mmCIF file of all heavy atoms, coordinates in Angstrom:
data_MODEL
# 
_entry.id   MODEL 
# 
loop_
_atom_site.group_PDB 
_atom_site.id 
_atom_site.type_symbol 
_atom_site.label_atom_id 
_atom_site.label_alt_id 
_atom_site.label_comp_id 
_atom_site.label_asym_id 
_atom_site.label_entity_id 
_atom_site.label_seq_id 
_atom_site.pdbx_PDB_ins_code 
_atom_site.Cartn_x 
_atom_site.Cartn_y 
_atom_site.Cartn_z 
_atom_site.occupancy 
_atom_site.B_iso_or_equiv 
_atom_site.pdbx_formal_charge 
_atom_site.auth_seq_id 
_atom_site.auth_comp_id 
_atom_site.auth_asym_id 
_atom_site.auth_atom_id 
_atom_site.pdbx_PDB_model_num 
ATOM 1   N N   . GLY A 1 1  ? 0.628   -13.314 1.444  1.00 0.00 ? 1  GLY A N   1 
ATOM 2   C CA  . GLY A 1 1  ? 1.803   -12.561 1.871  1.00 0.00 ? 1  GLY A CA  1 
ATOM 3   C C   . GLY A 1 1  ? 2.488   -11.758 0.782  1.00 0.00 ? 1  GLY A C   1 
ATOM 4   O O   . GLY A 1 1  ? 3.559   -11.195 1.001  1.00 0.00 ? 1  GLY A O   1 
ATOM 5   N N   . SER A 1 2  ? 1.856   -11.677 -0.401 1.00 0.00 ? 2  SER A N   1 
ATOM 6   C CA  . SER A 1 2  ? 2.504   -10.969 -1.516 1.00 0.00 ? 2  SER A CA  1 
ATOM 7   C C   . SER A 1 2  ? 2.270   -9.454  -1.464 1.00 0.00 ? 2  SER A C   1 
ATOM 8   O O   . SER A 1 2  ? 3.008   -8.694  -2.081 1.00 0.00 ? 2  SER A O   1 
ATOM 9   C CB  . SER A 1 2  ? 2.009   -11.525 -2.854 1.00 0.00 ? 2  SER A CB  1 
ATOM 10  O OG  . SER A 1 2  ? 0.605   -11.321 -2.976 1.00 0.00 ? 2  SER A OG  1 
ATOM 11  N N   . LEU A 1 3  ? 1.215   -9.034  -0.758 1.00 0.00 ? 3  LEU A N   1 
ATOM 12  C CA  . LEU A 1 3  ? 0.855   -7.613  -0.713 1.00 0.00 ? 3  LEU A CA  1 
ATOM 13  C C   . LEU A 1 3  ? 0.722   -7.130  0.717  1.00 0.00 ? 3  LEU A C   1 
ATOM 14  O O   . LEU A 1 3  ? 0.381   -7.904  1.623  1.00 0.00 ? 3  LEU A O   1 
ATOM 15  C CB  . LEU A 1 3  ? -0.492  -7.379  -1.414 1.00 0.00 ? 3  LEU A CB  1 
ATOM 16  C CG  . LEU A 1 3  ? -0.617  -7.775  -2.880 1.00 0.00 ? 3  LEU A CG  1 
ATOM 17  C CD1 . LEU A 1 3  ? -2.065  -7.632  -3.341 1.00 0.00 ? 3  LEU A CD1 1 
ATOM 18  C CD2 . LEU A 1 3  ? 0.312   -6.942  -3.751 1.00 0.00 ? 3  LEU A CD2 1 
ATOM 19  N N   . ILE A 1 4  ? 0.981   -5.843  0.895  1.00 0.00 ? 4  ILE A N   1 
ATOM 20  C CA  . ILE A 1 4  ? 0.764   -5.172  2.174  1.00 0.00 ? 4  ILE A CA  1 
ATOM 21  C C   . ILE A 1 4  ? -0.188  -4.019  1.912  1.00 0.00 ? 4  ILE A C   1 
ATOM 22  O O   . ILE A 1 4  ? -0.041  -3.304  0.910  1.00 0.00 ? 4  ILE A O   1 
ATOM 23  C CB  . ILE A 1 4  ? 2.090   -4.614  2.741  1.00 0.00 ? 4  ILE A CB  1 
ATOM 24  C CG1 . ILE A 1 4  ? 3.031   -5.753  3.133  1.00 0.00 ? 4  ILE A CG1 1 
ATOM 25  C CG2 . ILE A 1 4  ? 1.842   -3.679  3.935  1.00 0.00 ? 4  ILE A CG2 1 
ATOM 26  C CD1 . ILE A 1 4  ? 4.472   -5.295  3.356  1.00 0.00 ? 4  ILE A CD1 1 
ATOM 27  N N   . VAL A 1 5  ? -1.170  -3.826  2.781  1.00 0.00 ? 5  VAL A N   1 
ATOM 28  C CA  . VAL A 1 5  ? -1.992  -2.617  2.695  1.00 0.00 ? 5  VAL A CA  1 
ATOM 29  C C   . VAL A 1 5  ? -1.696  -1.769  3.929  1.00 0.00 ? 5  VAL A C   1 
ATOM 30  O O   . VAL A 1 5  ? -1.500  -2.298  5.025  1.00 0.00 ? 5  VAL A O   1 
ATOM 31  C CB  . VAL A 1 5  ? -3.506  -2.939  2.574  1.00 0.00 ? 5  VAL A CB  1 
ATOM 32  C CG1 . VAL A 1 5  ? -4.030  -3.663  3.801  1.00 0.00 ? 5  VAL A CG1 1 
ATOM 33  C CG2 . VAL A 1 5  ? -4.313  -1.671  2.303  1.00 0.00 ? 5  VAL A CG2 1 
ATOM 34  N N   . SER A 1 6  ? -1.626  -0.455  3.730  1.00 0.00 ? 6  SER A N   1 
ATOM 35  C CA  . SER A 1 6  ? -1.398  0.460   4.849  1.00 0.00 ? 6  SER A CA  1 
ATOM 36  C C   . SER A 1 6  ? -2.429  1.583   4.776  1.00 0.00 ? 6  SER A C   1 
ATOM 37  O O   . SER A 1 6  ? -2.929  1.924   3.703  1.00 0.00 ? 6  SER A O   1 
ATOM 38  C CB  . SER A 1 6  ? 0.019   1.044   4.799  1.00 0.00 ? 6  SER A CB  1 
ATOM 39  O OG  . SER A 1 6  ? 0.201   1.844   3.644  1.00 0.00 ? 6  SER A OG  1 
ATOM 40  N N   . SER A 1 7  ? -2.741  2.152   5.953  1.00 0.00 ? 7  SER A N   1 
ATOM 41  C CA  . SER A 1 7  ? -3.668  3.284   6.008  1.00 0.00 ? 7  SER A CA  1 
ATOM 42  C C   . SER A 1 7  ? -3.073  4.357   6.890  1.00 0.00 ? 7  SER A C   1 
ATOM 43  O O   . SER A 1 7  ? -2.198  4.089   7.720  1.00 0.00 ? 7  SER A O   1 
ATOM 44  C CB  . SER A 1 7  ? -5.023  2.843   6.558  1.00 0.00 ? 7  SER A CB  1 
ATOM 45  O OG  . SER A 1 7  ? -4.882  2.323   7.871  1.00 0.00 ? 7  SER A OG  1 
ATOM 46  N N   . SER A 1 8  ? -3.579  5.592   6.706  1.00 0.00 ? 8  SER A N   1 
ATOM 47  C CA  . SER A 1 8  ? -2.988  6.712   7.433  1.00 0.00 ? 8  SER A CA  1 
ATOM 48  C C   . SER A 1 8  ? -3.999  7.832   7.631  1.00 0.00 ? 8  SER A C   1 
ATOM 49  O O   . SER A 1 8  ? -4.990  7.945   6.907  1.00 0.00 ? 8  SER A O   1 
ATOM 50  C CB  . SER A 1 8  ? -1.776  7.245   6.655  1.00 0.00 ? 8  SER A CB  1 
ATOM 51  O OG  . SER A 1 8  ? -1.340  8.492   7.156  1.00 0.00 ? 8  SER A OG  1 
ATOM 52  N N   . TYR A 1 9  ? -3.692  8.674   8.609  1.00 0.00 ? 9  TYR A N   1 
ATOM 53  C CA  . TYR A 1 9  ? -4.453  9.907   8.807  1.00 0.00 ? 9  TYR A CA  1 
ATOM 54  C C   . TYR A 1 9  ? -4.374  10.826  7.589  1.00 0.00 ? 9  TYR A C   1 
ATOM 55  O O   . TYR A 1 9  ? -5.143  11.783  7.489  1.00 0.00 ? 9  TYR A O   1 
ATOM 56  C CB  . TYR A 1 9  ? -3.912  10.676  10.015 1.00 0.00 ? 9  TYR A CB  1 
ATOM 57  C CG  . TYR A 1 9  ? -4.262  10.073  11.357 1.00 0.00 ? 9  TYR A CG  1 
ATOM 58  C CD1 . TYR A 1 9  ? -3.292  9.946   12.346 1.00 0.00 ? 9  TYR A CD1 1 
ATOM 59  C CD2 . TYR A 1 9  ? -5.558  9.663   11.656 1.00 0.00 ? 9  TYR A CD2 1 
ATOM 60  C CE1 . TYR A 1 9  ? -3.606  9.423   13.599 1.00 0.00 ? 9  TYR A CE1 1 
ATOM 61  C CE2 . TYR A 1 9  ? -5.872  9.131   12.905 1.00 0.00 ? 9  TYR A CE2 1 
ATOM 62  C CZ  . TYR A 1 9  ? -4.894  9.019   13.869 1.00 0.00 ? 9  TYR A CZ  1 
ATOM 63  O OH  . TYR A 1 9  ? -5.201  8.492   15.097 1.00 0.00 ? 9  TYR A OH  1 
ATOM 64  N N   . ASP A 1 10 ? -3.431  10.558  6.662  1.00 0.00 ? 10 ASP A N   1 
ATOM 65  C CA  . ASP A 1 10 ? -3.340  11.405  5.467  1.00 0.00 ? 10 ASP A CA  1 
ATOM 66  C C   . ASP A 1 10 ? -4.489  11.141  4.487  1.00 0.00 ? 10 ASP A C   1 
ATOM 67  O O   . ASP A 1 10 ? -4.580  11.787  3.443  1.00 0.00 ? 10 ASP A O   1 
ATOM 68  C CB  . ASP A 1 10 ? -1.980  11.256  4.773  1.00 0.00 ? 10 ASP A CB  1 
ATOM 69  C CG  . ASP A 1 10 ? -1.720  9.872   4.185  1.00 0.00 ? 10 ASP A CG  1 
ATOM 70  O OD1 . ASP A 1 10 ? -2.667  9.038   4.119  1.00 0.00 ? 10 ASP A OD1 1 
ATOM 71  O OD2 . ASP A 1 10 ? -0.573  9.593   3.790  1.00 0.00 ? 10 ASP A OD2 1 
ATOM 72  N N   . GLY A 1 11 ? -5.382  10.186  4.813  1.00 0.00 ? 11 GLY A N   1 
ATOM 73  C CA  . GLY A 1 11 ? -6.551  9.912   3.988  1.00 0.00 ? 11 GLY A CA  1 
ATOM 74  C C   . GLY A 1 11 ? -6.345  8.851   2.926  1.00 0.00 ? 11 GLY A C   1 
ATOM 75  O O   . GLY A 1 11 ? -7.253  8.569   2.154  1.00 0.00 ? 11 GLY A O   1 
ATOM 76  N N   . LEU A 1 12 ? -5.155  8.245   2.900  1.00 0.00 ? 12 LEU A N   1 
ATOM 77  C CA  . LEU A 1 12 ? -4.859  7.272   1.852  1.00 0.00 ? 12 LEU A CA  1 
ATOM 78  C C   . LEU A 1 12 ? -4.781  5.844   2.379  1.00 0.00 ? 12 LEU A C   1 
ATOM 79  O O   . LEU A 1 12 ? -4.393  5.615   3.527  1.00 0.00 ? 12 LEU A O   1 
ATOM 80  C CB  . LEU A 1 12 ? -3.507  7.590   1.186  1.00 0.00 ? 12 LEU A CB  1 
ATOM 81  C CG  . LEU A 1 12 ? -3.341  8.997   0.605  1.00 0.00 ? 12 LEU A CG  1 
ATOM 82  C CD1 . LEU A 1 12 ? -1.950  9.145   0.010  1.00 0.00 ? 12 LEU A CD1 1 
ATOM 83  C CD2 . LEU A 1 12 ? -4.411  9.281   -0.437 1.00 0.00 ? 12 LEU A CD2 1 
ATOM 84  N N   . CYS A 1 13 ? -5.176  4.903   1.503  1.00 0.00 ? 13 CYS A N   1 
ATOM 85  C CA  . CYS A 1 13 ? -4.838  3.485   1.667  1.00 0.00 ? 13 CYS A CA  1 
ATOM 86  C C   . CYS A 1 13 ? -3.877  3.155   0.539  1.00 0.00 ? 13 CYS A C   1 
ATOM 87  O O   . CYS A 1 13 ? -4.177  3.460   -0.623 1.00 0.00 ? 13 CYS A O   1 
ATOM 88  C CB  . CYS A 1 13 ? -6.048  2.588   1.500  1.00 0.00 ? 13 CYS A CB  1 
ATOM 89  S SG  . CYS A 1 13 ? -7.217  2.678   2.828  1.00 0.00 ? 13 CYS A SG  1 
ATOM 90  N N   . ARG A 1 14 ? -2.782  2.523   0.874  1.00 0.00 ? 14 ARG A N   1 
ATOM 91  C CA  . ARG A 1 14 ? -1.814  2.175   -0.173 1.00 0.00 ? 14 ARG A CA  1 
ATOM 92  C C   . ARG A 1 14 ? -1.553  0.681   -0.149 1.00 0.00 ? 14 ARG A C   1 
ATOM 93  O O   . ARG A 1 14 ? -1.495  0.062   0.913  1.00 0.00 ? 14 ARG A O   1 
ATOM 94  C CB  . ARG A 1 14 ? -0.498  2.922   0.053  1.00 0.00 ? 14 ARG A CB  1 
ATOM 95  C CG  . ARG A 1 14 ? -0.653  4.419   -0.188 1.00 0.00 ? 14 ARG A CG  1 
ATOM 96  C CD  . ARG A 1 14 ? 0.677   5.034   -0.602 1.00 0.00 ? 14 ARG A CD  1 
ATOM 97  N NE  . ARG A 1 14 ? 0.448   6.136   -1.511 1.00 0.00 ? 14 ARG A NE  1 
ATOM 98  C CZ  . ARG A 1 14 ? 0.897   7.376   -1.285 1.00 0.00 ? 14 ARG A CZ  1 
ATOM 99  N NH1 . ARG A 1 14 ? 1.593   7.654   -0.204 1.00 0.00 ? 14 ARG A NH1 1 
ATOM 100 N NH2 . ARG A 1 14 ? 0.652   8.319   -2.168 1.00 0.00 ? 14 ARG A NH2 1 
ATOM 101 N N   . ILE A 1 15 ? -1.371  0.124   -1.351 1.00 0.00 ? 15 ILE A N   1 
ATOM 102 C CA  . ILE A 1 15 ? -1.068  -1.296  -1.478 1.00 0.00 ? 15 ILE A CA  1 
ATOM 103 C C   . ILE A 1 15 ? 0.352   -1.430  -2.014 1.00 0.00 ? 15 ILE A C   1 
ATOM 104 O O   . ILE A 1 15 ? 0.721   -0.786  -3.002 1.00 0.00 ? 15 ILE A O   1 
ATOM 105 C CB  . ILE A 1 15 ? -2.087  -1.990  -2.393 1.00 0.00 ? 15 ILE A CB  1 
ATOM 106 C CG1 . ILE A 1 15 ? -3.442  -1.955  -1.692 1.00 0.00 ? 15 ILE A CG1 1 
ATOM 107 C CG2 . ILE A 1 15 ? -1.699  -3.438  -2.638 1.00 0.00 ? 15 ILE A CG2 1 
ATOM 108 C CD1 . ILE A 1 15 ? -4.584  -1.667  -2.568 1.00 0.00 ? 15 ILE A CD1 1 
ATOM 109 N N   . TRP A 1 16 ? 1.133   -2.247  -1.315 1.00 0.00 ? 16 TRP A N   1 
ATOM 110 C CA  . TRP A 1 16 ? 2.563   -2.396  -1.587 1.00 0.00 ? 16 TRP A CA  1 
ATOM 111 C C   . TRP A 1 16 ? 2.876   -3.820  -2.001 1.00 0.00 ? 16 TRP A C   1 
ATOM 112 O O   . TRP A 1 16 ? 2.294   -4.764  -1.475 1.00 0.00 ? 16 TRP A O   1 
ATOM 113 C CB  . TRP A 1 16 ? 3.387   -2.057  -0.335 1.00 0.00 ? 16 TRP A CB  1 
ATOM 114 C CG  . TRP A 1 16 ? 3.011   -0.756  0.288  1.00 0.00 ? 16 TRP A CG  1 
ATOM 115 C CD1 . TRP A 1 16 ? 2.002   -0.513  1.180  1.00 0.00 ? 16 TRP A CD1 1 
ATOM 116 C CD2 . TRP A 1 16 ? 3.630   0.516   0.044  1.00 0.00 ? 16 TRP A CD2 1 
ATOM 117 N NE1 . TRP A 1 16 ? 1.955   0.820   1.509  1.00 0.00 ? 16 TRP A NE1 1 
ATOM 118 C CE2 . TRP A 1 16 ? 2.942   1.472   0.833  1.00 0.00 ? 16 TRP A CE2 1 
ATOM 119 C CE3 . TRP A 1 16 ? 4.696   0.935   -0.753 1.00 0.00 ? 16 TRP A CE3 1 
ATOM 120 C CZ2 . TRP A 1 16 ? 3.281   2.819   0.850  1.00 0.00 ? 16 TRP A CZ2 1 
ATOM 121 C CZ3 . TRP A 1 16 ? 5.043   2.277   -0.733 1.00 0.00 ? 16 TRP A CZ3 1 
ATOM 122 C CH2 . TRP A 1 16 ? 4.341   3.206   0.051  1.00 0.00 ? 16 TRP A CH2 1 
ATOM 123 N N   . ASP A 1 17 ? 3.836   -3.953  -2.913 1.00 0.00 ? 17 ASP A N   1 
ATOM 124 C CA  . ASP A 1 17 ? 4.397   -5.259  -3.245 1.00 0.00 ? 17 ASP A CA  1 
ATOM 125 C C   . ASP A 1 17 ? 5.349   -5.636  -2.108 1.00 0.00 ? 17 ASP A C   1 
ATOM 126 O O   . ASP A 1 17 ? 6.337   -4.944  -1.874 1.00 0.00 ? 17 ASP A O   1 
ATOM 127 C CB  . ASP A 1 17 ? 5.142   -5.159  -4.575 1.00 0.00 ? 17 ASP A CB  1 
ATOM 128 C CG  . ASP A 1 17 ? 5.702   -6.496  -5.017 1.00 0.00 ? 17 ASP A CG  1 
ATOM 129 O OD1 . ASP A 1 17 ? 6.283   -7.195  -4.167 1.00 0.00 ? 17 ASP A OD1 1 
ATOM 130 O OD2 . ASP A 1 17 ? 5.585   -6.825  -6.205 1.00 0.00 ? 17 ASP A OD2 1 
ATOM 131 N N   . ALA A 1 18 ? 5.030   -6.715  -1.396 1.00 0.00 ? 18 ALA A N   1 
ATOM 132 C CA  . ALA A 1 18 ? 5.812   -7.057  -0.199 1.00 0.00 ? 18 ALA A CA  1 
ATOM 133 C C   . ALA A 1 18 ? 7.248   -7.444  -0.536 1.00 0.00 ? 18 ALA A C   1 
ATOM 134 O O   . ALA A 1 18 ? 8.140   -7.279  0.288  1.00 0.00 ? 18 ALA A O   1 
ATOM 135 C CB  . ALA A 1 18 ? 5.125   -8.189  0.565  1.00 0.00 ? 18 ALA A CB  1 
ATOM 136 N N   . SER A 1 19 ? 7.469   -7.941  -1.759 1.00 0.00 ? 19 SER A N   1 
ATOM 137 C CA  . SER A 1 19 ? 8.828   -8.420  -2.083 1.00 0.00 ? 19 SER A CA  1 
ATOM 138 C C   . SER A 1 19 ? 9.779   -7.273  -2.429 1.00 0.00 ? 19 SER A C   1 
ATOM 139 O O   . SER A 1 19 ? 10.944  -7.297  -2.042 1.00 0.00 ? 19 SER A O   1 
ATOM 140 C CB  . SER A 1 19 ? 8.787   -9.435  -3.223 1.00 0.00 ? 19 SER A CB  1 
ATOM 141 O OG  . SER A 1 19 ? 8.234   -8.835  -4.380 1.00 0.00 ? 19 SER A OG  1 
ATOM 142 N N   . ASN A 1 20 ? 9.287   -6.244  -3.119 1.00 0.00 ? 20 ASN A N   1 
ATOM 143 C CA  . ASN A 1 20 ? 10.209  -5.168  -3.510 1.00 0.00 ? 20 ASN A CA  1 
ATOM 144 C C   . ASN A 1 20 ? 9.880   -3.811  -2.886 1.00 0.00 ? 20 ASN A C   1 
ATOM 145 O O   . ASN A 1 20 ? 10.619  -2.841  -3.070 1.00 0.00 ? 20 ASN A O   1 
ATOM 146 C CB  . ASN A 1 20 ? 10.287  -5.051  -5.046 1.00 0.00 ? 20 ASN A CB  1 
ATOM 147 C CG  . ASN A 1 20 ? 8.932   -4.718  -5.657 1.00 0.00 ? 20 ASN A CG  1 
ATOM 148 O OD1 . ASN A 1 20 ? 8.071   -4.131  -5.005 1.00 0.00 ? 20 ASN A OD1 1 
ATOM 149 N ND2 . ASN A 1 20 ? 8.750   -5.095  -6.916 1.00 0.00 ? 20 ASN A ND2 1 
ATOM 150 N N   . GLY A 1 21 ? 8.754   -3.732  -2.183 1.00 0.00 ? 21 GLY A N   1 
ATOM 151 C CA  . GLY A 1 21 ? 8.420   -2.479  -1.507 1.00 0.00 ? 21 GLY A CA  1 
ATOM 152 C C   . GLY A 1 21 ? 7.843   -1.402  -2.412 1.00 0.00 ? 21 GLY A C   1 
ATOM 153 O O   . GLY A 1 21 ? 7.680   -0.263  -1.985 1.00 0.00 ? 21 GLY A O   1 
ATOM 154 N N   . HIS A 1 22 ? 7.515   -1.755  -3.666 1.00 0.00 ? 22 HIS A N   1 
ATOM 155 C CA  . HIS A 1 22 ? 6.926   -0.758  -4.570 1.00 0.00 ? 22 HIS A CA  1 
ATOM 156 C C   . HIS A 1 22 ? 5.461   -0.519  -4.229 1.00 0.00 ? 22 HIS A C   1 
ATOM 157 O O   . HIS A 1 22 ? 4.739   -1.457  -3.906 1.00 0.00 ? 22 HIS A O   1 
ATOM 158 C CB  . HIS A 1 22 ? 7.037   -1.219  -6.033 1.00 0.00 ? 22 HIS A CB  1 
ATOM 159 C CG  . HIS A 1 22 ? 8.439   -1.218  -6.541 1.00 0.00 ? 22 HIS A CG  1 
ATOM 160 N ND1 . HIS A 1 22 ? 8.827   -1.884  -7.685 1.00 0.00 ? 22 HIS A ND1 1 
ATOM 161 C CD2 . HIS A 1 22 ? 9.567   -0.629  -6.044 1.00 0.00 ? 22 HIS A CD2 1 
ATOM 162 C CE1 . HIS A 1 22 ? 10.129  -1.708  -7.875 1.00 0.00 ? 22 HIS A CE1 1 
ATOM 163 N NE2 . HIS A 1 22 ? 10.587  -0.959  -6.897 1.00 0.00 ? 22 HIS A NE2 1 
ATOM 164 N N   . CYS A 1 23 ? 5.032   0.729   -4.375 1.00 0.00 ? 23 CYS A N   1 
ATOM 165 C CA  . CYS A 1 23 ? 3.616   1.044   -4.190 1.00 0.00 ? 23 CYS A CA  1 
ATOM 166 C C   . CYS A 1 23 ? 2.877   0.673   -5.466 1.00 0.00 ? 23 CYS A C   1 
ATOM 167 O O   . CYS A 1 23 ? 3.175   1.191   -6.541 1.00 0.00 ? 23 CYS A O   1 
ATOM 168 C CB  . CYS A 1 23 ? 3.420   2.532   -3.883 1.00 0.00 ? 23 CYS A CB  1 
ATOM 169 S SG  . CYS A 1 23 ? 1.695   2.957   -3.627 1.00 0.00 ? 23 CYS A SG  1 
ATOM 170 N N   . MET A 1 24 ? 1.928   -0.236  -5.363 1.00 0.00 ? 24 MET A N   1 
ATOM 171 C CA  . MET A 1 24 ? 1.203   -0.718  -6.543 1.00 0.00 ? 24 MET A CA  1 
ATOM 172 C C   . MET A 1 24 ? -0.074  0.060   -6.776 1.00 0.00 ? 24 MET A C   1 
ATOM 173 O O   . MET A 1 24 ? -0.549  0.161   -7.894 1.00 0.00 ? 24 MET A O   1 
ATOM 174 C CB  . MET A 1 24 ? 0.879   -2.191  -6.377 1.00 0.00 ? 24 MET A CB  1 
ATOM 175 C CG  . MET A 1 24 ? 2.130   -3.047  -6.317 1.00 0.00 ? 24 MET A CG  1 
ATOM 176 S SD  . MET A 1 24 ? 1.716   -4.738  -5.971 1.00 0.00 ? 24 MET A SD  1 
ATOM 177 C CE  . MET A 1 24 ? 0.831   -5.164  -7.448 1.00 0.00 ? 24 MET A CE  1 
ATOM 178 N N   . LYS A 1 25 ? -0.662  0.582   -5.717 1.00 0.00 ? 25 LYS A N   1 
ATOM 179 C CA  . LYS A 1 25 ? -1.958  1.242   -5.862 1.00 0.00 ? 25 LYS A CA  1 
ATOM 180 C C   . LYS A 1 25 ? -2.203  2.158   -4.678 1.00 0.00 ? 25 LYS A C   1 
ATOM 181 O O   . LYS A 1 25 ? -1.783  1.854   -3.561 1.00 0.00 ? 25 LYS A O   1 
ATOM 182 C CB  . LYS A 1 25 ? -3.053  0.185   -5.932 1.00 0.00 ? 25 LYS A CB  1 
ATOM 183 C CG  . LYS A 1 25 ? -4.377  0.695   -6.418 1.00 0.00 ? 25 LYS A CG  1 
ATOM 184 C CD  . LYS A 1 25 ? -5.265  -0.432  -6.916 1.00 0.00 ? 25 LYS A CD  1 
ATOM 185 C CE  . LYS A 1 25 ? -4.842  -0.903  -8.304 1.00 0.00 ? 25 LYS A CE  1 
ATOM 186 N NZ  . LYS A 1 25 ? -5.751  -1.921  -8.832 1.00 0.00 ? 25 LYS A NZ  1 
ATOM 187 N N   . THR A 1 26 ? -2.873  3.257   -4.954 1.00 0.00 ? 26 THR A N   1 
ATOM 188 C CA  . THR A 1 26 ? -3.352  4.134   -3.886 1.00 0.00 ? 26 THR A CA  1 
ATOM 189 C C   . THR A 1 26 ? -4.859  4.254   -4.036 1.00 0.00 ? 26 THR A C   1 
ATOM 190 O O   . THR A 1 26 ? -5.341  4.614   -5.104 1.00 0.00 ? 26 THR A O   1 
ATOM 191 C CB  . THR A 1 26 ? -2.690  5.530   -3.982 1.00 0.00 ? 26 THR A CB  1 
ATOM 192 O OG1 . THR A 1 26 ? -1.276  5.376   -3.854 1.00 0.00 ? 26 THR A OG1 1 
ATOM 193 C CG2 . THR A 1 26 ? -3.184  6.440   -2.866 1.00 0.00 ? 26 THR A CG2 1 
ATOM 194 N N   . LEU A 1 27 ? -5.575  3.907   -2.980 1.00 0.00 ? 27 LEU A N   1 
ATOM 195 C CA  . LEU A 1 27 ? -7.039  4.016   -3.007 1.00 0.00 ? 27 LEU A CA  1 
ATOM 196 C C   . LEU A 1 27 ? -7.414  5.373   -2.440 1.00 0.00 ? 27 LEU A C   1 
ATOM 197 O O   . LEU A 1 27 ? -6.999  5.741   -1.345 1.00 0.00 ? 27 LEU A O   1 
ATOM 198 C CB  . LEU A 1 27 ? -7.685  2.936   -2.145 1.00 0.00 ? 27 LEU A CB  1 
ATOM 199 C CG  . LEU A 1 27 ? -7.425  1.480   -2.536 1.00 0.00 ? 27 LEU A CG  1 
ATOM 200 C CD1 . LEU A 1 27 ? -8.185  0.556   -1.595 1.00 0.00 ? 27 LEU A CD1 1 
ATOM 201 C CD2 . LEU A 1 27 ? -7.829  1.210   -3.972 1.00 0.00 ? 27 LEU A CD2 1 
ATOM 202 N N   . ILE A 1 28 ? -8.177  6.113   -3.214 1.00 0.00 ? 28 ILE A N   1 
ATOM 203 C CA  . ILE A 1 28 ? -8.581  7.436   -2.742 1.00 0.00 ? 28 ILE A CA  1 
ATOM 204 C C   . ILE A 1 28 ? -10.024 7.688   -3.143 1.00 0.00 ? 28 ILE A C   1 
ATOM 205 O O   . ILE A 1 28 ? -10.450 7.320   -4.229 1.00 0.00 ? 28 ILE A O   1 
ATOM 206 C CB  . ILE A 1 28 ? -7.630  8.526   -3.288 1.00 0.00 ? 28 ILE A CB  1 
ATOM 207 C CG1 . ILE A 1 28 ? -7.940  9.862   -2.640 1.00 0.00 ? 28 ILE A CG1 1 
ATOM 208 C CG2 . ILE A 1 28 ? -7.666  8.609   -4.796 1.00 0.00 ? 28 ILE A CG2 1 
ATOM 209 C CD1 . ILE A 1 28 ? -6.757  10.796  -2.619 1.00 0.00 ? 28 ILE A CD1 1 
# 
């Protein structure tokens, strides 16, 4: 539960710190 991954039609996968909402990584 420490990380969130999201995906979008914009072509990106992003990994977020669930506790503070910071974007930790963008997979491209």
